[in-house]
Each structure stands twice: as structure tokens, then as C-alpha cells.
Amino acid sequence: MAEKVLTYKDIDKSILKSLPNPTGQAYEIKVKIPEFTFLGVKDQPDFADVYITFYPTDRIIELKSLKMYVQALRNITVSYERLINVFYDHLMEVYKPDRIRLVMLCNPRGGISSRLTIDSDWKVRGGDEKYSDWKNHMDDTWSVTL
């Protein structure tokens, strides 16, 4: 009997948990996921570095649950174009941030690497474009000591 192929429809956003924003104030949180792994559409593993820039409102990301969510993606067969959109939608639904920016730097596959970006501030995404830093922001990589 063939094993069921898990797709983007099987990604469980209920894994993501939040914590109260301890200050209720505005600030920026940056999260780097250096071992983002999932199965490409041909069931071959894909790897990426994901950068999250997060401006909380009343909730912040509970990092342990984010780690569990990311680990659950390892068995999901999905294109990275679909995956970044599903990931974005889940983060928006669960955390309702003032702003979130996702950048996915995909490792080369067949000699081609890709960079995908979504920013909730973009007008096309329903944003107000009040954080116009993305307009001249060419490099979203930054270091985080692990």
C-alpha cells in the first residue's frame, strides 16, 4: 500500500502558539531559521534559510512552537512558492502582527537558487506601506548568534 503524500493542505497551523507581548509596546523581532527543510514537488529534499522580521501587536511568537511547526514541514511535499505563502498566511492568522516580512533563501537545486519575499506592508498584500524600508532593502540576510 502506497504511503499518503502530505501536501500543503496537511500543514497544521495549530502547532503555532503565541505568548502575550510582555510590554505591549512596538518593537522588532528577527528570527532566523537556518535549517528550513521540506520536500520539493518531486519528493526531493529542499533546504532554505528563512528570515522573519516581526512587529508584534499583543502577541509574540512562541519559538518552541515555531520550531515544531518547521520540523513538521520536513515531510510535506510542496513547491517553495506555495510554501512561503502558506507559511505567511499561518503566521498572519495566528499572531496578527502589525508587520511581518518573510524571506526564504533556497539552496541551489539544479544549479539555480531562489529568493522569495513576502511583506505584509506591501499595498498589494493589503498593507499601508508605512514601513517603506523594504523599497531599498536589497539584502535581508543578517547574523544571529546561535
Protein backbone atom coordinates (compact mmCIF):
# COMPACT_ATOMS: atom_id res chain seq x y z
CA MET A 1 0.00 0.00 0.00
CA ALA A 2 1.40 3.39 -1.01
CA GLU A 3 2.17 5.91 1.71
CA LYS A 4 -0.02 9.02 1.70
CA VAL A 5 1.75 12.06 0.26
CA LEU A 6 1.41 15.04 2.58
CA THR A 7 0.83 18.35 0.79
CA TYR A 8 0.44 21.99 1.81
CA LYS A 9 -3.16 21.23 2.80
CA ASP A 10 -1.76 18.99 5.56
CA ILE A 11 0.32 21.73 7.21
CA ASP A 12 -1.06 22.14 10.72
CA LYS A 13 -1.10 25.79 11.83
CA SER A 14 -2.47 24.75 15.24
CA ILE A 15 1.13 23.84 16.15
CA LEU A 16 1.93 27.56 16.26
CA LYS A 17 1.43 29.07 19.72
CA SER A 18 1.70 32.63 20.90
CA LEU A 19 2.68 34.43 24.07
CA PRO A 20 1.46 37.81 25.28
CA ASN A 21 3.62 40.72 24.20
CA PRO A 22 5.33 41.42 27.54
CA THR A 23 5.38 45.18 27.04
CA GLY A 24 2.51 45.93 24.70
CA GLN A 25 4.98 48.28 23.03
CA ALA A 26 6.14 48.35 19.41
CA TYR A 27 9.48 46.72 18.61
CA GLU A 28 11.09 44.50 16.00
CA ILE A 29 11.81 40.79 16.45
CA LYS A 30 14.03 38.97 13.97
CA VAL A 31 14.10 35.19 13.71
CA LYS A 32 16.42 33.14 11.51
CA ILE A 33 15.60 29.55 10.60
CA PRO A 34 18.86 28.21 9.10
CA GLU A 35 17.70 24.61 8.63
CA PHE A 36 14.34 25.05 6.90
CA THR A 37 13.70 21.73 5.15
CA PHE A 38 10.77 20.37 3.14
CA LEU A 39 10.14 18.02 0.23
CA GLY A 40 10.02 19.56 -3.21
CA VAL A 41 7.35 18.59 -5.68
CA LYS A 42 9.49 15.65 -6.88
CA ASP A 43 9.86 14.33 -3.29
CA GLN A 44 13.46 15.54 -3.15
CA PRO A 45 14.54 17.47 -0.04
CA ASP A 46 14.80 21.24 -0.38
CA PHE A 47 16.72 23.43 2.03
CA ALA A 48 16.49 27.13 2.78
CA ASP A 49 17.36 29.83 5.25
CA VAL A 50 14.25 31.69 6.35
CA TYR A 51 14.33 35.16 7.88
CA ILE A 52 11.30 36.51 9.74
CA THR A 53 11.03 40.16 10.66
CA PHE A 54 8.12 40.56 13.05
CA TYR A 55 6.48 43.67 14.55
CA PRO A 56 4.16 42.36 17.28
CA THR A 57 0.89 43.78 18.45
CA ASP A 58 -0.47 41.97 21.52
CA ARG A 59 1.04 38.52 20.74
CA ILE A 60 4.58 37.26 20.07
CA ILE A 61 5.84 34.03 18.53
CA GLU A 62 6.42 31.18 20.97
CA LEU A 63 9.71 29.94 19.47
CA LYS A 64 9.36 26.32 20.60
CA SER A 65 6.11 26.00 18.67
CA LEU A 66 7.69 27.68 15.62
CA LYS A 67 10.46 25.07 15.78
CA MET A 68 7.89 22.24 15.96
CA TYR A 69 5.94 23.76 13.03
CA VAL A 70 9.11 23.97 10.93
CA GLN A 71 10.05 20.38 11.81
CA ALA A 72 6.61 19.20 10.68
CA LEU A 73 7.31 20.64 7.22
CA ARG A 74 10.09 18.12 6.60
CA ASN A 75 7.55 15.55 5.35
CA ILE A 76 5.42 17.98 3.33
CA THR A 77 5.63 17.83 -0.47
CA VAL A 78 5.23 21.38 -1.73
CA SER A 79 6.78 23.94 -4.04
CA TYR A 80 8.60 26.70 -2.22
CA GLU A 81 6.40 29.28 -3.95
CA ARG A 82 3.32 27.70 -2.35
CA LEU A 83 5.09 27.07 0.95
CA ILE A 84 6.13 30.68 1.61
CA ASN A 85 2.53 31.79 1.01
CA VAL A 86 1.05 29.15 3.33
CA PHE A 87 3.67 29.93 6.00
CA TYR A 88 2.92 33.66 5.68
CA ASP A 89 -0.86 33.08 5.94
CA HIS A 90 -0.44 30.92 9.05
CA LEU A 91 1.83 33.47 10.78
CA MET A 92 -0.61 36.29 9.97
CA GLU A 93 -3.62 34.31 11.25
CA VAL A 94 -2.03 33.14 14.49
CA TYR A 95 -0.06 36.24 15.52
CA LYS A 96 -1.86 39.14 13.81
CA PRO A 97 1.32 41.26 13.75
CA ASP A 98 1.50 44.89 12.78
CA ARG A 99 4.01 43.76 10.18
CA ILE A 100 5.69 40.56 9.12
CA ARG A 101 8.32 40.04 6.45
CA LEU A 102 9.39 36.58 5.29
CA VAL A 103 12.45 35.98 3.19
CA MET A 104 13.25 32.46 2.00
CA LEU A 105 16.71 31.89 0.51
CA CYS A 106 16.53 28.49 -1.16
CA ASN A 107 19.68 26.47 -1.64
CA PRO A 108 20.66 25.74 -5.25
CA ARG A 109 18.82 22.95 -6.99
CA GLY A 110 19.96 22.02 -10.47
CA GLY A 111 22.35 24.97 -10.41
CA ILE A 112 19.64 27.54 -9.65
CA SER A 113 18.94 29.18 -6.31
CA SER A 114 15.89 31.27 -5.49
CA ARG A 115 14.94 34.05 -3.10
CA LEU A 116 11.29 34.60 -2.20
CA THR A 117 9.97 37.51 -0.15
CA ILE A 118 6.57 38.49 1.26
CA ASP A 119 5.97 41.63 3.31
CA SER A 120 2.61 42.41 4.90
CA ASP A 121 3.43 46.11 4.44
CA TRP A 122 3.11 45.87 0.65
CA LYS A 123 -0.06 47.52 -0.65
CA VAL A 124 -0.64 44.51 -2.90
CA ARG A 125 -0.80 42.40 0.30
CA GLY A 126 -3.24 44.81 1.94
CA GLY A 127 -0.57 46.82 3.75
CA ASP A 128 -0.33 50.57 4.16
CA GLU A 129 3.31 50.82 3.04
CA LYS A 130 4.09 52.67 6.26
CA TYR A 131 7.38 50.79 6.67
CA SER A 132 8.95 51.71 3.35
CA ASP A 133 12.34 50.28 4.35
CA TRP A 134 11.68 47.31 2.07
CA LYS A 135 11.76 49.56 -1.01
CA ASN A 136 15.55 49.94 -0.84
CA HIS A 137 16.29 46.80 1.16
CA MET A 138 18.29 44.56 -1.14
CA ASP A 139 19.92 42.30 1.44
CA ASP A 140 17.73 40.61 4.03
CA THR A 141 20.48 38.50 5.50
CA TRP A 142 21.70 39.27 8.98
CA SER A 143 23.51 37.25 11.54
CA VAL A 144 22.11 35.78 14.69
CA THR A 145 24.43 34.08 17.12
CA LEU A 146 23.20 30.55 17.63
